[in-house]
PDB file of N, CA and C in Angstrom:
ATOM      1  N   MET A   1     -99.768 137.794  38.487  1.00  0.00           N
ATOM      2  CA  MET A   1     -99.366 136.811  37.489  1.00  0.00           C
ATOM      3  C   MET A   1    -100.513 136.637  36.497  1.00  0.00           C
ATOM      4  N   ALA A   2    -100.203 136.647  35.146  1.00  0.00           N
ATOM      5  CA  ALA A   2    -101.155 136.459  34.165  1.00  0.00           C
ATOM      6  C   ALA A   2    -101.111 135.014  33.664  1.00  0.00           C
ATOM      7  N   TRP A   3    -102.329 134.422  33.508  1.00  0.00           N
ATOM      8  CA  TRP A   3    -102.330 133.030  32.895  1.00  0.00           C
ATOM      9  C   TRP A   3    -101.906 133.080  31.486  1.00  0.00           C
ATOM     10  N   GLU A   4    -101.299 132.022  30.987  1.00  0.00           N
ATOM     11  CA  GLU A   4    -100.824 131.846  29.594  1.00  0.00           C
ATOM     12  C   GLU A   4    -101.373 130.630  28.968  1.00  0.00           C
ATOM     13  N   CYS A   5    -101.884 130.639  27.723  1.00  0.00           N
ATOM     14  CA  CYS A   5    -102.361 129.593  26.918  1.00  0.00           C
ATOM     15  C   CYS A   5    -101.329 128.556  26.797  1.00  0.00           C
ATOM     16  N   SER A   6    -101.580 127.300  27.145  1.00  0.00           N
ATOM     17  CA  SER A   6    -100.659 126.161  26.884  1.00  0.00           C
ATOM     18  C   SER A   6    -100.410 125.856  25.531  1.00  0.00           C
ATOM     19  N   ASP A   7    -101.211 126.288  24.468  1.00  0.00           N
ATOM     20  CA  ASP A   7    -100.956 126.047  23.064  1.00  0.00           C
ATOM     21  C   ASP A   7    -100.239 127.092  22.434  1.00  0.00           C
ATOM     22  N   CYS A   8    -100.543 128.340  22.692  1.00  0.00           N
ATOM     23  CA  CYS A   8     -99.941 129.443  21.817  1.00  0.00           C
ATOM     24  C   CYS A   8     -99.147 130.368  22.731  1.00  0.00           C
ATOM     25  N   GLY A   9     -99.216 130.338  24.031  1.00  0.00           N
ATOM     26  CA  GLY A   9     -98.521 131.194  24.882  1.00  0.00           C
ATOM     27  C   GLY A   9     -99.111 132.631  25.037  1.00  0.00           C
ATOM     28  N   ARG A  10    -100.369 132.914  24.508  1.00  0.00           N
ATOM     29  CA  ARG A  10    -101.155 134.116  24.659  1.00  0.00           C
ATOM     30  C   ARG A  10    -101.451 134.284  26.156  1.00  0.00           C
ATOM     31  N   LYS A  11    -101.108 135.499  26.630  1.00  0.00           N
ATOM     32  CA  LYS A  11    -101.317 135.783  28.045  1.00  0.00           C
ATOM     33  C   LYS A  11    -102.708 136.364  28.274  1.00  0.00           C
ATOM     34  N   GLU A  12    -103.327 136.152  29.389  1.00  0.00           N
ATOM     35  CA  GLU A  12    -104.524 136.651  29.738  1.00  0.00           C
ATOM     36  C   GLU A  12    -104.444 138.155  29.891  1.00  0.00           C
ATOM     37  N   GLN A  13    -105.258 138.870  29.264  1.00  0.00           N
ATOM     38  CA  GLN A  13    -105.212 140.351  29.308  1.00  0.00           C
ATOM     39  C   GLN A  13    -106.568 141.039  29.062  1.00  0.00           C
ATOM     40  N   GLY A  14    -107.004 141.793  29.908  1.00  0.00           N
ATOM     41  CA  GLY A  14    -108.229 142.560  29.797  1.00  0.00           C
ATOM     42  C   GLY A  14    -109.448 141.588  29.639  1.00  0.00           C
ATOM     43  N   GLU A  15    -110.217 141.706  28.618  1.00  0.00           N
ATOM     44  CA  GLU A  15    -111.366 140.732  28.251  1.00  0.00           C
ATOM     45  C   GLU A  15    -110.830 139.545  27.686  1.00  0.00           C
ATOM     46  N   SER A  16    -109.591 139.339  27.315  1.00  0.00           N
ATOM     47  CA  SER A  16    -109.154 138.078  26.719  1.00  0.00           C
ATOM     48  C   SER A  16    -108.712 137.173  27.814  1.00  0.00           C
ATOM     49  N   LYS A  17    -109.618 136.376  28.301  1.00  0.00           N
ATOM     50  CA  LYS A  17    -109.557 135.443  29.376  1.00  0.00           C
ATOM     51  C   LYS A  17    -109.048 134.163  29.116  1.00  0.00           C
ATOM     52  N   ILE A  18    -108.076 133.407  29.903  1.00  0.00           N
ATOM     53  CA  ILE A  18    -107.671 132.109  29.770  1.00  0.00           C
ATOM     54  C   ILE A  18    -108.596 131.187  30.675  1.00  0.00           C
ATOM     55  N   THR A  19    -109.023 130.239  30.088  1.00  0.00           N
ATOM     56  CA  THR A  19    -109.868 129.242  30.919  1.00  0.00           C
ATOM     57  C   THR A  19    -109.135 127.981  31.047  1.00  0.00           C
ATOM     58  N   VAL A  20    -109.638 127.042  31.811  1.00  0.00           N
ATOM     59  CA  VAL A  20    -109.000 125.745  32.098  1.00  0.00           C
ATOM     60  C   VAL A  20    -109.759 124.612  31.734  1.00  0.00           C
ATOM     61  N   CYS A  21    -109.273 123.637  30.869  1.00  0.00           N
ATOM     62  CA  CYS A  21    -109.917 122.489  30.428  1.00  0.00           C
ATOM     63  C   CYS A  21    -110.396 121.680  31.703  1.00  0.00           C
ATOM     64  N   HIS A  22    -111.650 121.284  31.634  1.00  0.00           N
ATOM     65  CA  HIS A  22    -112.154 120.486  32.838  1.00  0.00           C
ATOM     66  C   HIS A  22    -111.714 119.106  32.914  1.00  0.00           C
ATOM     67  N   HIS A  23    -111.081 118.473  31.875  1.00  0.00           N
ATOM     68  CA  HIS A  23    -110.573 117.091  31.886  1.00  0.00           C
ATOM     69  C   HIS A  23    -109.219 117.137  32.233  1.00  0.00           C
ATOM     70  N   CYS A  24    -108.278 118.010  31.602  1.00  0.00           N
ATOM     71  CA  CYS A  24    -106.779 117.783  31.860  1.00  0.00           C
ATOM     72  C   CYS A  24    -106.241 118.982  32.675  1.00  0.00           C
ATOM     73  N   GLY A  25    -107.031 120.118  32.835  1.00  0.00           N
ATOM     74  CA  GLY A  25    -106.503 121.300  33.489  1.00  0.00           C
ATOM     75  C   GLY A  25    -105.549 122.147  32.840  1.00  0.00           C
ATOM     76  N   ARG A  26    -105.401 122.009  31.463  1.00  0.00           N
ATOM     77  CA  ARG A  26    -104.581 122.886  30.717  1.00  0.00           C
ATOM     78  C   ARG A  26    -105.160 124.270  30.548  1.00  0.00           C
ATOM     79  N   PRO A  27    -104.401 125.346  30.723  1.00  0.00           N
ATOM     80  CA  PRO A  27    -104.973 126.596  30.472  1.00  0.00           C
ATOM     81  C   PRO A  27    -105.059 126.870  28.980  1.00  0.00           C
ATOM     82  N   VAL A  28    -106.222 127.453  28.439  1.00  0.00           N
ATOM     83  CA  VAL A  28    -106.337 127.646  26.998  1.00  0.00           C
ATOM     84  C   VAL A  28    -107.027 128.953  26.843  1.00  0.00           C
ATOM     85  N   CYS A  29    -106.662 129.598  25.666  1.00  0.00           N
ATOM     86  CA  CYS A  29    -107.237 130.843  25.382  1.00  0.00           C
ATOM     87  C   CYS A  29    -108.488 130.555  24.401  1.00  0.00           C
ATOM     88  N   LYS A  30    -109.245 131.611  23.954  1.00  0.00           N
ATOM     89  CA  LYS A  30    -110.449 131.328  23.260  1.00  0.00           C
ATOM     90  C   LYS A  30    -110.202 130.694  21.820  1.00  0.00           C
ATOM     91  N   LEU A  31    -109.025 130.891  21.280  1.00  0.00           N
ATOM     92  CA  LEU A  31    -108.720 130.221  20.090  1.00  0.00           C
ATOM     93  C   LEU A  31    -108.393 128.720  20.158  1.00  0.00           C
ATOM     94  N   HIS A  32    -108.152 128.170  21.345  1.00  0.00           N
ATOM     95  CA  HIS A  32    -107.699 126.802  21.488  1.00  0.00           C
ATOM     96  C   HIS A  32    -108.559 126.050  22.617  1.00  0.00           C
ATOM     97  N   ARG A  33    -109.914 126.442  22.622  1.00  0.00           N
ATOM     98  CA  ARG A  33    -110.846 125.723  23.409  1.00  0.00           C
ATOM     99  C   ARG A  33    -112.157 125.629  22.623  1.00  0.00           C
ATOM    100  N   GLU A  34    -112.942 124.634  23.219  1.00  0.00           N
ATOM    101  CA  GLU A  34    -114.358 124.432  22.731  1.00  0.00           C
ATOM    102  C   GLU A  34    -115.211 124.338  23.953  1.00  0.00           C
ATOM    103  N   MET A  35    -116.304 124.989  23.980  1.00  0.00           N
ATOM    104  CA  MET A  35    -117.240 124.945  25.068  1.00  0.00           C
ATOM    105  C   MET A  35    -118.311 123.755  24.652  1.00  0.00           C
ATOM    106  N   VAL A  36    -118.507 122.737  25.491  1.00  0.00           N
ATOM    107  CA  VAL A  36    -119.372 121.703  25.170  1.00  0.00           C
ATOM    108  C   VAL A  36    -120.424 121.524  26.281  1.00  0.00           C
ATOM    109  N   ASP A  37    -121.672 121.270  25.764  1.00  0.00           N
ATOM    110  CA  ASP A  37    -122.677 120.988  26.693  1.00  0.00           C
ATOM    111  C   ASP A  37    -122.441 119.540  27.179  1.00  0.00           C
ATOM    112  N   ASP A  38    -121.841 119.339  28.320  1.00  0.00           N
ATOM    113  CA  ASP A  38    -121.263 118.105  28.748  1.00  0.00           C
ATOM    114  C   ASP A  38    -122.294 117.329  29.640  1.00  0.00           C
ATOM    115  N   ASP A  39    -122.698 116.174  29.221  1.00  0.00           N
ATOM    116  CA  ASP A  39    -123.662 115.324  30.017  1.00  0.00           C
ATOM    117  C   ASP A  39    -122.989 114.833  31.382  1.00  0.00           C
ATOM    118  N   ALA A  40    -121.765 114.923  31.483  1.00  0.00           N
ATOM    119  CA  ALA A  40    -121.114 114.573  32.744  1.00  0.00           C
ATOM    120  C   ALA A  40    -121.637 115.370  33.920  1.00  0.00           C
ATOM    121  N   PHE A  41    -122.197 116.539  33.632  1.00  0.00           N
ATOM    122  CA  PHE A  41    -122.645 117.348  34.769  1.00  0.00           C
ATOM    123  C   PHE A  41    -124.169 117.187  35.047  1.00  0.00           C
ATOM    124  N   SER A  42    -124.742 116.305  34.345  1.00  0.00           N
ATOM    125  CA  SER A  42    -126.235 116.196  34.448  1.00  0.00           C
ATOM    126  C   SER A  42    -126.700 115.643  35.849  1.00  0.00           C
ATOM    127  N   ALA A  43    -125.794 114.796  36.450  1.00  0.00           N
ATOM    128  CA  ALA A  43    -126.121 114.220  37.796  1.00  0.00           C
ATOM    129  C   ALA A  43    -126.203 115.331  38.836  1.00  0.00           C
ATOM    130  N   TRP A  44    -125.555 116.484  38.586  1.00  0.00           N
ATOM    131  CA  TRP A  44    -125.612 117.602  39.581  1.00  0.00           C
ATOM    132  C   TRP A  44    -126.540 118.772  39.143  1.00  0.00           C
ATOM    133  N   SER A  45    -127.486 118.452  38.248  1.00  0.00           N
ATOM    134  CA  SER A  45    -128.338 119.478  37.727  1.00  0.00           C
ATOM    135  C   SER A  45    -129.124 120.280  38.796  1.00  0.00           C
ATOM    136  N   ASP A  46    -129.308 119.583  40.023  1.00  0.00           N
ATOM    137  CA  ASP A  46    -129.991 120.341  41.053  1.00  0.00           C
ATOM    138  C   ASP A  46    -129.088 121.408  41.781  1.00  0.00           C
ATOM    139  N   HIS A  47    -127.793 121.312  41.472  1.00  0.00           N
ATOM    140  CA  HIS A  47    -126.803 122.219  42.100  1.00  0.00           C
ATOM    141  C   HIS A  47    -126.141 123.236  41.205  1.00  0.00           C
ATOM    142  N   ILE A  48    -126.219 122.995  39.920  1.00  0.00           N
ATOM    143  CA  ILE A  48    -125.435 123.808  38.972  1.00  0.00           C
ATOM    144  C   ILE A  48    -126.631 124.454  37.940  1.00  0.00           C
ATOM    145  N   THR A  49    -126.176 125.490  37.243  1.00  0.00           N
ATOM    146  CA  THR A  49    -127.149 126.106  36.420  1.00  0.00           C
ATOM    147  C   THR A  49    -126.869 125.779  35.003  1.00  0.00           C
ATOM    148  N   THR A  50    -125.761 125.166  34.664  1.00  0.00           N
ATOM    149  CA  THR A  50    -125.377 124.911  33.238  1.00  0.00           C
ATOM    150  C   THR A  50    -124.583 123.508  33.272  1.00  0.00           C
ATOM    151  N   ASN A  51    -124.584 122.974  31.961  1.00  0.00           N
ATOM    152  CA  ASN A  51    -123.815 121.766  31.820  1.00  0.00           C
ATOM    153  C   ASN A  51    -122.664 122.111  30.887  1.00  0.00           C
ATOM    154  N   VAL A  52    -122.398 123.349  30.604  1.00  0.00           N
ATOM    155  CA  VAL A  52    -121.336 123.721  29.581  1.00  0.00           C
ATOM    156  C   VAL A  52    -120.088 123.698  30.315  1.00  0.00           C
ATOM    157  N   ALA A  53    -118.928 123.066  29.667  1.00  0.00           N
ATOM    158  CA  ALA A  53    -117.693 122.990  30.223  1.00  0.00           C
ATOM    159  C   ALA A  53    -116.634 123.359  29.142  1.00  0.00           C
ATOM    160  N   VAL A  54    -115.514 123.864  29.649  1.00  0.00           N
ATOM    161  CA  VAL A  54    -114.467 124.171  28.727  1.00  0.00           C
ATOM    162  C   VAL A  54    -113.545 122.997  28.486  1.00  0.00           C
ATOM    163  N   HIS A  55    -113.226 122.854  27.228  1.00  0.00           N
ATOM    164  CA  HIS A  55    -112.315 121.647  26.804  1.00  0.00           C
ATOM    165  C   HIS A  55    -111.193 122.279  25.947  1.00  0.00           C
ATOM    166  N   CYS A  56    -109.903 121.777  26.271  1.00  0.00           N
ATOM    167  CA  CYS A  56    -108.841 122.034  25.265  1.00  0.00           C
ATOM    168  C   CYS A  56    -109.249 121.174  23.954  1.00  0.00           C
ATOM    169  N   LEU A  57    -108.597 121.513  22.836  1.00  0.00           N
ATOM    170  CA  LEU A  57    -108.998 120.775  21.616  1.00  0.00           C
ATOM    171  C   LEU A  57    -108.662 119.318  21.656  1.00  0.00           C
ATOM    172  N   ASP A  58    -107.649 118.925  22.449  1.00  0.00           N
ATOM    173  CA  ASP A  58    -107.372 117.479  22.518  1.00  0.00           C
ATOM    174  C   ASP A  58    -108.403 116.807  23.250  1.00  0.00           C
ATOM    175  N   CYS A  59    -108.799 117.296  24.433  1.00  0.00           N
ATOM    176  CA  CYS A  59    -109.846 116.626  25.232  1.00  0.00           C
ATOM    177  C   CYS A  59    -111.192 116.650  24.508  1.00  0.00           C
ATOM    178  N   TRP A  60    -111.482 117.713  23.796  1.00  0.00           N
ATOM    179  CA  TRP A  60    -112.790 117.853  22.951  1.00  0.00           C
ATOM    180  C   TRP A  60    -112.810 116.705  22.048  1.00  0.00           C
ATOM    181  N   ALA A  61    -111.756 116.419  21.319  1.00  0.00           N
ATOM    182  CA  ALA A  61    -111.734 115.407  20.337  1.00  0.00           C
ATOM    183  C   ALA A  61    -111.763 114.020  21.037  1.00  0.00           C
ATOM    184  N   THR A  62    -111.094 113.894  22.079  1.00  0.00           N
ATOM    185  CA  THR A  62    -110.960 112.657  22.808  1.00  0.00           C
ATOM    186  C   THR A  62    -112.274 112.221  23.561  1.00  0.00           C
ATOM    187  N   PHE A  63    -112.834 113.145  24.327  1.00  0.00           N
ATOM    188  CA  PHE A  63    -113.895 112.811  25.211  1.00  0.00           C
ATOM    189  C   PHE A  63    -115.274 113.180  24.565  1.00  0.00           C
ATOM    190  N   HIS A  64    -115.297 113.981  23.453  1.00  0.00           N
ATOM    191  CA  HIS A  64    -116.627 114.215  22.695  1.00  0.00           C
ATOM    192  C   HIS A  64    -116.413 114.097  21.201  1.00  0.00           C
ATOM    193  N   PRO A  65    -116.092 112.823  20.831  1.00  0.00           N
ATOM    194  CA  PRO A  65    -115.778 112.573  19.461  1.00  0.00           C
ATOM    195  C   PRO A  65    -116.909 112.899  18.457  1.00  0.00           C
ATOM    196  N   GLN A  66    -118.128 112.616  18.851  1.00  0.00           N
ATOM    197  CA  GLN A  66    -119.192 112.913  17.993  1.00  0.00           C
ATOM    198  C   GLN A  66    -119.330 114.349  17.652  1.00  0.00           C
ATOM    199  N   ALA A  67    -119.150 115.211  18.650  1.00  0.00           N
ATOM    200  CA  ALA A  67    -119.125 116.735  18.402  1.00  0.00           C
ATOM    201  C   ALA A  67    -117.917 117.032  17.462  1.00  0.00           C
ATOM    202  N   ALA A  68    -116.752 116.473  17.738  1.00  0.00           N
ATOM    203  CA  ALA A  68    -115.660 116.903  16.931  1.00  0.00           C
ATOM    204  C   ALA A  68    -115.820 116.209  15.469  1.00  0.00           C
ATOM    205  N   ALA A  69    -116.384 115.159  15.406  1.00  0.00           N
ATOM    206  CA  ALA A  69    -116.528 114.636  14.061  1.00  0.00           C
ATOM    207  C   ALA A  69    -117.524 115.392  13.226  1.00  0.00           C
ATOM    208  N   ALA A  70    -118.563 115.698  13.924  1.00  0.00           N
ATOM    209  CA  ALA A  70    -119.687 116.484  13.131  1.00  0.00           C
ATOM    210  C   ALA A  70    -119.068 117.847  12.713  1.00  0.00           C
ATOM    211  N   GLN A  71    -118.187 118.502  13.435  1.00  0.00           N
ATOM    212  CA  GLN A  71    -117.572 119.720  13.128  1.00  0.00           C
ATOM    213  C   GLN A  71    -116.649 119.461  11.930  1.00  0.00           C
ATOM    214  N   ALA A  72    -115.877 118.513  12.026  1.00  0.00           N
ATOM    215  CA  ALA A  72    -114.914 118.099  10.932  1.00  0.00           C
ATOM    216  C   ALA A  72    -115.574 117.778   9.627  1.00  0.00           C
ATOM    217  N   GLU A  73    -116.744 116.988   9.672  1.00  0.00           N
ATOM    218  CA  GLU A  73    -117.535 116.586   8.566  1.00  0.00           C
ATOM    219  C   GLU A  73    -118.124 117.815   7.854  1.00  0.00           C
ATOM    220  N   SER A  74    -118.543 118.769   8.678  1.00  0.00           N
ATOM    221  CA  SER A  74    -119.244 119.928   8.164  1.00  0.00           C
ATOM    222  C   SER A  74    -118.234 120.793   7.356  1.00  0.00           C
ATOM    223  N   GLY A  75    -116.935 120.778   7.656  1.00  0.00           N
ATOM    224  CA  GLY A  75    -115.874 121.671   7.024  1.00  0.00           C
ATOM    225  C   GLY A  75    -115.901 122.997   7.622  1.00  0.00           C
ATOM    226  N   ALA A  76    -116.843 123.283   8.559  1.00  0.00           N
ATOM    227  CA  ALA A  76    -116.865 124.639   9.104  1.00  0.00           C
ATOM    228  C   ALA A  76    -115.723 124.861  10.069  1.00  0.00           C
ATOM    229  N   PRO A  77    -115.344 126.059  10.242  1.00  0.00           N
ATOM    230  CA  PRO A  77    -114.290 126.316  11.185  1.00  0.00           C
ATOM    231  C   PRO A  77    -114.701 125.970  12.567  1.00  0.00           C
ATOM    232  N   LEU A  78    -113.781 125.709  13.594  1.00  0.00           N
ATOM    233  CA  LEU A  78    -114.172 125.397  14.798  1.00  0.00           C
ATOM    234  C   LEU A  78    -115.042 126.435  15.467  1.00  0.00           C
ATOM    235  N   ALA A  79    -115.993 126.007  16.258  1.00  0.00           N
ATOM    236  CA  ALA A  79    -117.093 126.950  16.712  1.00  0.00           C
ATOM    237  C   ALA A  79    -116.448 127.844  17.782  1.00  0.00           C
ATOM    238  N   ARG A  80    -115.531 127.327  18.628  1.00  0.00           N
ATOM    239  CA  ARG A  80    -114.953 128.135  19.716  1.00  0.00           C
ATOM    240  C   ARG A  80    -116.128 128.557  20.742  1.00  0.00           C
ATOM    241  N   GLY A  81    -117.204 127.868  20.608  1.00  0.00           N
ATOM    242  CA  GLY A  81    -118.371 128.221  21.373  1.00  0.00           C
ATOM    243  C   GLY A  81    -119.043 126.932  21.699  1.00  0.00           C
ATOM    244  N   LEU A  82    -120.388 126.943  22.029  1.00  0.00           N
ATOM    245  CA  LEU A  82    -121.089 125.826  22.491  1.00  0.00           C
ATOM    246  C   LEU A  82    -121.371 124.816  21.419  1.00  0.00           C
ATOM    247  N   THR A  83    -120.967 123.579  21.633  1.00  0.00           N
ATOM    248  CA  THR A  83    -121.216 122.414  20.814  1.00  0.00           C
ATOM    249  C   THR A  83    -121.873 121.436  21.699  1.00  0.00           C
ATOM    250  N   THR A  84    -122.445 120.416  21.070  1.00  0.00           N
ATOM    251  CA  THR A  84    -123.123 119.462  21.900  1.00  0.00           C
ATOM    252  C   THR A  84    -122.299 118.204  21.999  1.00  0.00           C
ATOM    253  N   ALA A  85    -122.459 117.433  23.190  1.00  0.00           N
ATOM    254  CA  ALA A  85    -121.610 116.286  23.461  1.00  0.00           C
ATOM    255  C   ALA A  85    -121.825 115.127  22.451  1.00  0.00           C
TER     256      ALA A  85
END
Protein backbone atom coordinates (compact mmCIF):
# COMPACT_ATOMS: atom_id res chain seq x y z
CA MET A 1 0.00 0.00 0.00
CA ALA A 2 1.36 3.41 -0.98
CA TRP A 3 0.83 6.40 1.28
CA GLU A 4 -1.07 9.33 -0.24
CA CYS A 5 -0.82 13.07 0.49
CA SER A 6 -3.96 14.30 2.24
CA ASP A 7 -3.79 17.62 0.37
CA CYS A 8 -3.19 16.65 -3.25
CA GLY A 9 -3.51 12.87 -3.43
CA ARG A 10 0.07 12.35 -4.64
CA LYS A 11 1.14 8.79 -3.89
CA GLU A 12 4.45 7.83 -2.33
CA GLN A 13 6.69 6.57 -5.10
CA GLY A 14 10.44 5.91 -5.19
CA GLU A 15 12.28 8.88 -3.69
CA SER A 16 9.05 10.89 -3.38
CA LYS A 17 8.23 10.04 0.23
CA ILE A 18 5.09 10.91 2.14
CA THR A 19 5.69 12.08 5.71
CA VAL A 20 3.29 12.55 8.63
CA CYS A 21 2.60 15.80 10.50
CA HIS A 22 3.69 15.41 14.10
CA HIS A 23 0.74 17.50 15.38
CA CYS A 24 -2.28 16.08 13.53
CA GLY A 25 -0.96 12.93 11.85
CA ARG A 26 -1.97 13.93 8.32
CA PRO A 27 0.17 12.35 5.58
CA VAL A 28 1.76 15.07 3.41
CA CYS A 29 4.05 15.18 0.37
CA LYS A 30 7.07 17.47 0.03
CA LEU A 31 4.91 20.18 -1.56
CA HIS A 32 2.51 20.32 1.39
CA ARG A 33 4.81 20.25 4.41
CA GLU A 34 7.28 22.38 6.29
CA MET A 35 10.15 21.09 8.39
CA VAL A 36 10.47 23.15 11.57
CA ASP A 37 13.14 23.19 14.24
CA ASP A 38 10.57 22.56 16.96
CA ASP A 39 11.40 23.53 20.57
CA ALA A 40 8.84 20.96 21.77
CA PHE A 41 11.55 18.32 21.46
CA SER A 42 14.20 20.14 23.49
CA ALA A 43 13.21 18.32 26.71
CA TRP A 44 14.35 15.06 25.10
CA SER A 45 17.63 16.36 23.67
CA ASP A 46 19.55 13.65 25.55
CA HIS A 47 17.62 10.99 23.63
CA ILE A 48 17.17 12.41 20.13
CA THR A 49 19.60 13.86 17.63
CA THR A 50 17.42 16.56 16.08
CA ASN A 51 14.57 18.90 16.96
CA VAL A 52 13.29 18.98 13.38
CA ALA A 53 9.67 17.92 12.89
CA VAL A 54 7.34 17.54 9.92
CA HIS A 55 4.30 19.85 9.85
CA CYS A 56 1.37 20.03 7.46
CA LEU A 57 0.85 23.62 6.31
CA ASP A 58 -2.16 24.11 8.60
CA CYS A 59 -0.29 23.02 11.74
CA TRP A 60 2.80 24.98 10.68
CA ALA A 61 0.70 28.17 10.56
CA THR A 62 -1.21 27.30 13.76
CA PHE A 63 1.61 26.08 16.02
CA HIS A 64 4.52 28.09 14.57
CA PRO A 65 2.94 31.43 13.64
CA GLN A 66 6.21 33.37 13.89
CA ALA A 67 7.86 31.15 11.26
CA ALA A 68 4.79 31.27 9.04
CA ALA A 69 4.45 35.06 9.42
CA ALA A 70 8.13 35.65 8.66
CA GLN A 71 7.84 33.59 5.49
CA ALA A 72 4.65 35.39 4.42
CA GLU A 73 6.18 38.80 5.13
CA SER A 74 9.27 38.01 3.08
CA GLY A 75 7.15 37.16 0.05
CA ALA A 76 9.41 34.21 -0.65
CA PRO A 77 7.92 30.89 -1.69
CA LEU A 78 7.40 28.35 1.08
CA ALA A 79 10.71 26.83 2.10
CA ARG A 80 9.54 23.21 2.17
CA GLY A 81 12.58 22.72 4.30
CA LEU A 82 13.93 23.79 7.65
CA THR A 83 12.44 26.90 9.24
CA THR A 84 12.71 28.01 12.83
CA ALA A 85 9.92 27.90 15.40
